[in-house]
Amino acid sequence: MISASQKRNVIPALCEIVVDCRLLPAQSPEAVDSIVREVLGSDVAYDVDWLESQGGTRSALATPLWDASTRSSPRASRVPRRADLHGGVHRQPLAA
């Protein structure tokens, strides 16, 4: 979400961009800060403030629901991959 001036004919002194960056379980903001800054670039000055800083939760795979999903869809048994900020996929599986 981007916000700046509420008026169309004003050049704002400040622009705020809020990005939802979901952290993986056990991942910290420091681990992805360099990736965020690489995406934003270095042509203008900016601050990065993390509003929330806890990683996501991890669900167990050894459950009846997982077993049922792998029986019904062979693709469901693949190891999950993590997507990066550029929309690509890293080729290594998630850390255990």
Protein backbone atom coordinates (compact mmCIF):
# COMPACT_ATOMS: atom_id res chain seq x y z
CA MET A 1 0.00 0.00 0.00
CA ILE A 2 1.43 3.39 -0.98
CA SER A 3 0.36 6.65 0.61
CA ALA A 4 1.65 10.19 0.19
CA SER A 5 -0.39 13.38 -0.26
CA GLN A 6 -4.19 13.36 -0.31
CA LYS A 7 -4.16 16.18 -2.88
CA ARG A 8 -3.41 15.69 -6.58
CA ASN A 9 -1.62 19.00 -7.10
CA VAL A 10 0.92 18.62 -4.25
CA ILE A 11 4.36 17.06 -4.45
CA PRO A 12 4.58 15.21 -1.13
CA ALA A 13 7.64 15.48 1.09
CA LEU A 14 7.13 11.91 2.28
CA CYS A 15 5.84 8.72 0.71
CA GLU A 16 5.08 5.64 2.77
CA ILE A 17 5.04 2.13 1.31
CA VAL A 18 3.74 -0.75 3.40
CA VAL A 19 4.69 -4.23 2.15
CA ASP A 20 3.45 -7.51 3.56
CA CYS A 21 6.58 -9.66 3.79
CA ARG A 22 5.76 -13.03 5.33
CA LEU A 23 8.68 -14.53 7.23
CA LEU A 24 9.27 -18.26 7.28
CA PRO A 25 9.32 -20.11 10.62
CA ALA A 26 12.51 -19.25 12.55
CA GLN A 27 13.37 -16.48 10.04
CA SER A 28 14.18 -13.00 11.33
CA PRO A 29 13.86 -9.59 9.65
CA GLU A 30 17.65 -9.39 9.57
CA ALA A 31 17.73 -12.51 7.39
CA VAL A 32 15.66 -10.85 4.63
CA ASP A 33 16.57 -7.18 5.11
CA SER A 34 19.26 -7.27 2.40
CA ILE A 35 16.79 -8.82 -0.06
CA VAL A 36 14.23 -6.10 0.67
CA ARG A 37 16.84 -3.38 0.19
CA GLU A 38 18.03 -4.97 -3.07
CA VAL A 39 14.47 -4.91 -4.43
CA LEU A 40 13.91 -1.30 -3.32
CA GLY A 41 17.21 -0.12 -4.82
CA SER A 42 19.58 2.59 -3.66
CA ASP A 43 18.65 5.56 -5.85
CA VAL A 44 16.68 7.34 -3.08
CA ALA A 45 17.09 7.51 0.70
CA TYR A 46 14.63 5.47 2.75
CA ASP A 47 14.16 3.74 6.09
CA VAL A 48 12.95 0.17 6.52
CA ASP A 49 10.85 -0.38 9.63
CA TRP A 50 9.63 -3.86 10.51
CA LEU A 51 6.15 -3.59 12.05
CA GLU A 52 6.02 -7.26 13.00
CA SER A 53 9.05 -9.47 13.31
CA GLN A 54 8.09 -13.02 14.08
CA GLY A 55 8.33 -15.83 11.58
CA GLY A 56 5.38 -17.95 10.57
CA THR A 57 4.28 -21.13 12.24
CA ARG A 58 5.23 -24.60 11.15
CA SER A 59 2.61 -27.32 10.85
CA ALA A 60 3.44 -30.97 11.23
CA LEU A 61 3.25 -33.02 8.03
CA ALA A 62 2.66 -36.35 9.74
CA THR A 63 -1.11 -35.88 10.04
CA PRO A 64 -4.18 -37.63 8.64
CA LEU A 65 -4.93 -34.54 6.53
CA TRP A 66 -1.47 -34.64 4.91
CA ASP A 67 -1.78 -38.37 4.29
CA ALA A 68 -5.16 -37.89 2.60
CA SER A 69 -3.88 -35.04 0.44
CA THR A 70 -0.86 -37.02 -0.78
CA ARG A 71 -3.11 -39.97 -1.68
CA SER A 72 -5.48 -37.74 -3.67
CA SER A 73 -2.80 -35.63 -5.37
CA PRO A 74 0.70 -36.99 -6.14
CA ARG A 75 2.00 -33.41 -6.47
CA ALA A 76 1.11 -32.72 -2.82
CA SER A 77 3.90 -34.99 -1.62
CA ARG A 78 6.61 -32.73 -3.08
CA VAL A 79 8.89 -30.81 -0.73
CA PRO A 80 7.65 -27.20 -0.37
CA ARG A 81 9.85 -24.51 -1.93
CA ARG A 82 10.21 -20.93 -0.74
CA ALA A 83 9.45 -18.08 -3.12
CA ASP A 84 11.71 -15.06 -3.12
CA LEU A 85 10.68 -11.39 -3.40
CA HIS A 86 11.32 -11.36 -7.15
CA GLY A 87 8.64 -14.01 -7.75
CA GLY A 88 11.13 -16.77 -8.51
CA VAL A 89 11.65 -19.97 -6.58
CA HIS A 90 14.78 -21.04 -4.76
CA ARG A 91 15.76 -24.56 -5.70
CA GLN A 92 16.53 -25.79 -2.19
CA PRO A 93 13.86 -27.24 0.10
CA LEU A 94 12.75 -25.43 3.22
CA ALA A 95 14.98 -26.02 6.25
CA ALA A 96 13.72 -28.72 8.58
